[in-house]
Amino acid sequence: MPMDDFEKIDEEAEEPEGETDELEEIEEASSGGGRSWLTIVLVGVVMLLVGGLLGYFGRGQFGPEAQAAKATEQAEVALAATQAAANAELMTYLTQNTRHFKGDPNAAVTIIEFSDFQ
């Protein structure tokens, strides 16, 4: 019977070791977390690099410069249309009010000369 008492003491002593095993497993998992932190840092760095490259090379397509270029292009188209209409109106006025003609008044090209006879 005295051996049974020693076995009980050994079993009780083993229980804290079982708890220690659980603690060791937790510590191993947390020390393995060092690799997960390294992975997180590497993923973050890669994401920063990709974002920087996209921001640098994509700014001409999506940034304020692209919007300004589109607005400028639209303004140039509107200006060209306005100038063409103004030129056509001016030519119509001049050909109707000019008294001296040479050639066909409906020709594709009209040359108007302004000169001084002094």
N, C-alpha and C. Protein backbone atom coordinates (compact mmCIF):
# COMPACT_ATOMS: atom_id res chain seq x y z
N MET A 1 0.79 -1.19 0.00
CA MET A 1 0.00 0.00 0.00
C MET A 1 0.84 1.27 0.00
N PRO A 2 1.93 1.25 0.61
CA PRO A 2 2.70 2.48 0.56
C PRO A 2 3.12 2.84 -0.87
N MET A 3 3.21 1.85 -1.73
CA MET A 3 3.56 2.13 -3.13
C MET A 3 2.45 2.91 -3.83
N ASP A 4 1.23 2.58 -3.44
CA ASP A 4 0.10 3.29 -4.03
C ASP A 4 0.18 4.78 -3.69
N ASP A 5 0.61 5.07 -2.49
CA ASP A 5 0.73 6.47 -2.12
C ASP A 5 1.77 7.17 -3.00
N PHE A 6 2.86 6.47 -3.29
CA PHE A 6 3.88 7.06 -4.15
C PHE A 6 3.37 7.25 -5.58
N GLU A 7 2.57 6.29 -6.01
CA GLU A 7 2.01 6.40 -7.36
C GLU A 7 1.05 7.59 -7.45
N LYS A 8 0.27 7.80 -6.40
CA LYS A 8 -0.63 8.95 -6.39
C LYS A 8 0.18 10.25 -6.42
N ILE A 9 1.25 10.28 -5.68
CA ILE A 9 2.09 11.48 -5.66
C ILE A 9 2.70 11.69 -7.04
N ASP A 10 3.13 10.59 -7.68
CA ASP A 10 3.69 10.70 -9.03
C ASP A 10 2.65 11.19 -10.03
N GLU A 11 1.42 10.68 -9.89
CA GLU A 11 0.35 11.11 -10.80
C GLU A 11 0.05 12.59 -10.59
N GLU A 12 0.01 13.01 -9.31
CA GLU A 12 -0.23 14.42 -9.03
C GLU A 12 0.92 15.27 -9.58
N ALA A 13 2.12 14.76 -9.50
CA ALA A 13 3.28 15.48 -10.01
C ALA A 13 3.24 15.54 -11.54
N GLU A 14 2.67 14.53 -12.17
CA GLU A 14 2.59 14.51 -13.63
C GLU A 14 1.54 15.49 -14.15
N GLU A 15 0.51 15.76 -13.37
CA GLU A 15 -0.53 16.69 -13.81
C GLU A 15 0.05 18.07 -14.11
N PRO A 16 0.87 18.63 -13.25
CA PRO A 16 1.46 19.92 -13.62
C PRO A 16 2.33 19.80 -14.87
N GLU A 17 2.96 18.64 -15.05
CA GLU A 17 3.75 18.46 -16.27
C GLU A 17 2.84 18.48 -17.48
N GLY A 18 1.63 17.93 -17.36
CA GLY A 18 0.66 17.97 -18.44
C GLY A 18 0.28 19.41 -18.75
N GLU A 19 0.12 20.20 -17.71
CA GLU A 19 -0.17 21.61 -17.92
C GLU A 19 1.04 22.29 -18.54
N THR A 20 2.23 21.86 -18.15
CA THR A 20 3.45 22.41 -18.72
C THR A 20 3.53 22.06 -20.20
N ASP A 21 3.10 20.87 -20.57
CA ASP A 21 3.09 20.47 -21.97
C ASP A 21 2.17 21.38 -22.78
N GLU A 22 1.04 21.70 -22.20
CA GLU A 22 0.12 22.60 -22.88
C GLU A 22 0.76 23.98 -23.05
N LEU A 23 1.45 24.44 -22.01
CA LEU A 23 2.13 25.73 -22.09
C LEU A 23 3.24 25.69 -23.14
N GLU A 24 3.96 24.56 -23.19
CA GLU A 24 5.01 24.42 -24.19
C GLU A 24 4.43 24.45 -25.60
N GLU A 25 3.26 23.82 -25.78
CA GLU A 25 2.62 23.83 -27.09
C GLU A 25 2.21 25.25 -27.48
N ILE A 26 1.70 26.00 -26.50
CA ILE A 26 1.31 27.39 -26.76
C ILE A 26 2.55 28.21 -27.11
N GLU A 27 3.65 28.01 -26.37
CA GLU A 27 4.87 28.74 -26.66
C GLU A 27 5.42 28.38 -28.03
N GLU A 28 5.33 27.10 -28.41
CA GLU A 28 5.80 26.69 -29.73
C GLU A 28 4.96 27.33 -30.82
N ALA A 29 3.66 27.40 -30.60
CA ALA A 29 2.77 28.03 -31.58
C ALA A 29 3.08 29.52 -31.70
N SER A 30 3.35 30.16 -30.56
CA SER A 30 3.65 31.59 -30.63
C SER A 30 5.03 31.83 -31.22
N SER A 31 5.99 30.95 -30.98
CA SER A 31 7.31 31.13 -31.58
C SER A 31 7.25 30.84 -33.08
N GLY A 32 6.38 29.95 -33.50
CA GLY A 32 6.15 29.72 -34.92
C GLY A 32 5.46 30.91 -35.54
N GLY A 33 4.84 31.75 -34.73
CA GLY A 33 4.20 32.97 -35.20
C GLY A 33 5.21 33.96 -35.73
N GLY A 34 6.48 33.79 -35.39
CA GLY A 34 7.52 34.66 -35.92
C GLY A 34 7.57 34.56 -37.44
N ARG A 35 7.35 33.39 -37.96
CA ARG A 35 7.31 33.21 -39.40
C ARG A 35 6.08 33.89 -39.99
N SER A 36 4.97 33.84 -39.25
CA SER A 36 3.77 34.48 -39.76
C SER A 36 3.95 36.00 -39.77
N TRP A 37 4.66 36.56 -38.81
CA TRP A 37 4.94 38.01 -38.83
C TRP A 37 5.83 38.36 -40.00
N LEU A 38 6.79 37.50 -40.27
CA LEU A 38 7.66 37.74 -41.42
C LEU A 38 6.85 37.71 -42.71
N THR A 39 5.93 36.77 -42.80
CA THR A 39 5.07 36.68 -43.98
C THR A 39 4.21 37.94 -44.12
N ILE A 40 3.66 38.41 -43.01
CA ILE A 40 2.83 39.61 -43.04
C ILE A 40 3.66 40.81 -43.49
N VAL A 41 4.87 40.92 -42.99
CA VAL A 41 5.74 42.04 -43.36
C VAL A 41 6.09 41.96 -44.85
N LEU A 42 6.42 40.77 -45.34
CA LEU A 42 6.76 40.61 -46.75
C LEU A 42 5.56 40.93 -47.65
N VAL A 43 4.39 40.47 -47.26
CA VAL A 43 3.18 40.77 -48.04
C VAL A 43 2.93 42.28 -48.04
N GLY A 44 3.11 42.92 -46.92
CA GLY A 44 2.94 44.37 -46.84
C GLY A 44 3.90 45.12 -47.74
N VAL A 45 5.15 44.70 -47.74
CA VAL A 45 6.16 45.35 -48.59
C VAL A 45 5.83 45.15 -50.07
N VAL A 46 5.41 43.94 -50.43
CA VAL A 46 5.04 43.68 -51.82
C VAL A 46 3.84 44.52 -52.22
N MET A 47 2.87 44.63 -51.33
CA MET A 47 1.69 45.45 -51.63
C MET A 47 2.07 46.92 -51.80
N LEU A 48 2.96 47.41 -50.97
CA LEU A 48 3.43 48.79 -51.11
C LEU A 48 4.13 49.01 -52.45
N LEU A 49 4.97 48.07 -52.83
CA LEU A 49 5.67 48.19 -54.11
C LEU A 49 4.70 48.17 -55.28
N VAL A 50 3.75 47.25 -55.26
CA VAL A 50 2.76 47.16 -56.34
C VAL A 50 1.93 48.44 -56.39
N GLY A 51 1.48 48.92 -55.24
CA GLY A 51 0.70 50.15 -55.20
C GLY A 51 1.50 51.34 -55.69
N GLY A 52 2.76 51.42 -55.32
CA GLY A 52 3.60 52.51 -55.79
C GLY A 52 3.80 52.48 -57.30
N LEU A 53 4.04 51.29 -57.84
CA LEU A 53 4.23 51.18 -59.28
C LEU A 53 2.95 51.51 -60.03
N LEU A 54 1.82 51.00 -59.54
CA LEU A 54 0.55 51.32 -60.19
C LEU A 54 0.24 52.81 -60.09
N GLY A 55 0.53 53.41 -58.97
CA GLY A 55 0.30 54.83 -58.81
C GLY A 55 1.19 55.66 -59.72
N TYR A 56 2.43 55.23 -59.89
CA TYR A 56 3.37 55.99 -60.73
C TYR A 56 3.03 55.85 -62.21
N PHE A 57 2.84 54.60 -62.66
CA PHE A 57 2.61 54.38 -64.07
C PHE A 57 1.15 54.57 -64.47
N GLY A 58 0.22 54.47 -63.53
CA GLY A 58 -1.19 54.61 -63.84
C GLY A 58 -1.72 56.01 -63.70
N ARG A 59 -0.90 56.92 -63.19
CA ARG A 59 -1.40 58.27 -62.94
C ARG A 59 -1.75 59.00 -64.22
N GLY A 60 -1.10 58.70 -65.33
CA GLY A 60 -1.41 59.34 -66.59
C GLY A 60 -2.73 58.88 -67.17
N GLN A 61 -3.24 57.77 -66.66
CA GLN A 61 -4.50 57.23 -67.18
C GLN A 61 -5.67 57.52 -66.26
N PHE A 62 -5.40 57.70 -64.97
CA PHE A 62 -6.49 57.85 -64.02
C PHE A 62 -6.41 59.11 -63.18
N GLY A 63 -5.29 59.76 -63.15
CA GLY A 63 -5.09 60.88 -62.25
C GLY A 63 -5.63 62.19 -62.80
N PRO A 64 -5.33 63.27 -62.10
CA PRO A 64 -5.80 64.59 -62.53
C PRO A 64 -5.22 65.01 -63.87
N GLU A 65 -4.02 64.53 -64.20
CA GLU A 65 -3.44 64.86 -65.49
C GLU A 65 -4.28 64.30 -66.62
N ALA A 66 -4.79 63.08 -66.44
CA ALA A 66 -5.63 62.46 -67.47
C ALA A 66 -6.93 63.23 -67.63
N GLN A 67 -7.51 63.64 -66.52
CA GLN A 67 -8.75 64.41 -66.59
C GLN A 67 -8.51 65.76 -67.26
N ALA A 68 -7.39 66.39 -66.94
CA ALA A 68 -7.06 67.67 -67.56
C ALA A 68 -6.82 67.49 -69.06
N ALA A 69 -6.16 66.40 -69.44
CA ALA A 69 -5.91 66.15 -70.86
C ALA A 69 -7.22 65.93 -71.61
N LYS A 70 -8.15 65.20 -71.01
CA LYS A 70 -9.46 64.97 -71.65
C LYS A 70 -10.21 66.29 -71.80
N ALA A 71 -10.18 67.13 -70.76
CA ALA A 71 -10.86 68.42 -70.82
C ALA A 71 -10.23 69.32 -71.88
N THR A 72 -8.90 69.29 -71.97
CA THR A 72 -8.20 70.10 -72.96
C THR A 72 -8.54 69.63 -74.37
N GLU A 73 -8.59 68.32 -74.56
CA GLU A 73 -8.93 67.76 -75.87
C GLU A 73 -10.35 68.16 -76.27
N GLN A 74 -11.28 68.09 -75.34
CA GLN A 74 -12.66 68.49 -75.63
C GLN A 74 -12.74 69.98 -75.96
N ALA A 75 -11.98 70.79 -75.23
CA ALA A 75 -11.96 72.23 -75.49
C ALA A 75 -11.37 72.52 -76.87
N GLU A 76 -10.32 71.80 -77.26
CA GLU A 76 -9.71 72.01 -78.57
C GLU A 76 -10.67 71.63 -79.69
N VAL A 77 -11.42 70.54 -79.49
CA VAL A 77 -12.41 70.13 -80.50
C VAL A 77 -13.49 71.19 -80.63
N ALA A 78 -13.98 71.70 -79.51
CA ALA A 78 -15.01 72.74 -79.53
C ALA A 78 -14.47 74.02 -80.18
N LEU A 79 -13.23 74.37 -79.88
CA LEU A 79 -12.61 75.57 -80.46
C LEU A 79 -12.44 75.41 -81.96
N ALA A 80 -12.00 74.25 -82.41
CA ALA A 80 -11.82 74.00 -83.84
C ALA A 80 -13.16 74.10 -84.57
N ALA A 81 -14.22 73.55 -83.98
CA ALA A 81 -15.55 73.62 -84.60
C ALA A 81 -16.02 75.07 -84.67
N THR A 82 -15.80 75.82 -83.61
CA THR A 82 -16.20 77.23 -83.58
C THR A 82 -15.42 78.04 -84.61
N GLN A 83 -14.11 77.80 -84.71
CA GLN A 83 -13.28 78.52 -85.68
C GLN A 83 -13.68 78.18 -87.10
N ALA A 84 -14.00 76.92 -87.36
CA ALA A 84 -14.42 76.52 -88.70
C ALA A 84 -15.73 77.22 -89.07
N ALA A 85 -16.66 77.28 -88.15
CA ALA A 85 -17.93 77.96 -88.41
C ALA A 85 -17.71 79.45 -88.63
N ALA A 86 -16.84 80.06 -87.84
CA ALA A 86 -16.55 81.49 -87.98
C ALA A 86 -15.87 81.76 -89.32
N ASN A 87 -14.94 80.91 -89.73
CA ASN A 87 -14.26 81.09 -91.01
C ASN A 87 -15.25 80.95 -92.18
N ALA A 88 -16.14 79.99 -92.09
CA ALA A 88 -17.14 79.80 -93.15
C ALA A 88 -18.05 81.02 -93.24
N GLU A 89 -18.45 81.56 -92.11
CA GLU A 89 -19.31 82.74 -92.09
C GLU A 89 -18.58 83.96 -92.67
N LEU A 90 -17.32 84.11 -92.32
CA LEU A 90 -16.52 85.22 -92.84
C LEU A 90 -16.36 85.12 -94.35
N MET A 91 -16.05 83.93 -94.84
CA MET A 91 -15.89 83.74 -96.28
C MET A 91 -17.18 84.02 -97.03
N THR A 92 -18.30 83.60 -96.47
CA THR A 92 -19.59 83.88 -97.11
C THR A 92 -19.83 85.38 -97.19
N TYR A 93 -19.57 86.07 -96.13
CA TYR A 93 -19.76 87.52 -96.10
C TYR A 93 -18.86 88.22 -97.12
N LEU A 94 -17.58 87.83 -97.14
CA LEU A 94 -16.63 88.49 -98.04
C LEU A 94 -16.94 88.22 -99.50
N THR A 95 -17.28 87.00 -99.84
CA THR A 95 -17.58 86.70 -101.24
C THR A 95 -18.86 87.39 -101.71
N GLN A 96 -19.81 87.59 -100.82
CA GLN A 96 -21.04 88.26 -101.21
C GLN A 96 -20.84 89.77 -101.36
N ASN A 97 -19.93 90.35 -100.62
CA ASN A 97 -19.75 91.80 -100.64
C ASN A 97 -18.55 92.25 -101.48
N THR A 98 -17.88 91.33 -102.13
CA THR A 98 -16.74 91.69 -102.97
C THR A 98 -17.24 91.92 -104.40
N ARG A 99 -16.73 93.01 -105.03
CA ARG A 99 -17.21 93.34 -106.36
C ARG A 99 -16.30 92.81 -107.46
N HIS A 100 -15.08 92.51 -107.17
CA HIS A 100 -14.13 92.11 -108.22
C HIS A 100 -13.81 90.62 -108.07
N PHE A 101 -14.22 89.85 -109.07
CA PHE A 101 -13.97 88.40 -109.06
C PHE A 101 -13.20 88.00 -110.29
N LYS A 102 -12.38 87.01 -110.15
CA LYS A 102 -11.76 86.32 -111.28
C LYS A 102 -12.02 84.84 -111.05
N GLY A 103 -12.57 84.19 -111.95
CA GLY A 103 -12.80 82.75 -111.86
C GLY A 103 -14.19 82.42 -111.34
N ASP A 104 -14.36 81.17 -111.05
CA ASP A 104 -15.66 80.64 -110.61
C ASP A 104 -15.91 81.03 -109.15
N PRO A 105 -17.03 81.67 -108.84
CA PRO A 105 -17.31 82.04 -107.45
C PRO A 105 -17.61 80.83 -106.57
N ASN A 106 -17.90 79.67 -107.14
CA ASN A 106 -18.17 78.44 -106.36
C ASN A 106 -16.96 77.50 -106.34
N ALA A 107 -15.78 78.01 -106.57
CA ALA A 107 -14.57 77.19 -106.58
C ALA A 107 -14.27 76.64 -105.19
N ALA A 108 -13.52 75.54 -105.16
CA ALA A 108 -13.18 74.91 -103.88
C ALA A 108 -12.25 75.80 -103.06
N VAL A 109 -11.41 76.56 -103.72
CA VAL A 109 -10.47 77.44 -103.03
C VAL A 109 -10.76 78.87 -103.47
N THR A 110 -10.84 79.77 -102.51
CA THR A 110 -11.06 81.19 -102.80
C THR A 110 -9.92 81.98 -102.19
N ILE A 111 -9.26 82.76 -103.02
CA ILE A 111 -8.17 83.60 -102.54
C ILE A 111 -8.67 85.03 -102.53
N ILE A 112 -8.59 85.67 -101.40
CA ILE A 112 -9.01 87.06 -101.26
C ILE A 112 -7.77 87.88 -100.95
N GLU A 113 -7.52 88.90 -101.79
CA GLU A 113 -6.33 89.73 -101.61
C GLU A 113 -6.78 91.12 -101.17
N PHE A 114 -6.19 91.57 -100.10
CA PHE A 114 -6.41 92.92 -99.60
C PHE A 114 -5.16 93.73 -99.95
N SER A 115 -5.32 94.77 -100.70
CA SER A 115 -4.16 95.55 -101.09
C SER A 115 -4.50 97.04 -101.14
N ASP A 116 -3.46 97.81 -101.19
CA ASP A 116 -3.59 99.27 -101.25
C ASP A 116 -2.97 99.72 -102.57
N PHE A 117 -3.68 100.51 -103.35
CA PHE A 117 -3.21 100.90 -104.66
C PHE A 117 -2.39 102.18 -104.65
N GLN A 118 -1.87 102.66 -103.59
CA GLN A 118 -1.13 103.91 -103.56
C GLN A 118 0.30 103.72 -103.93
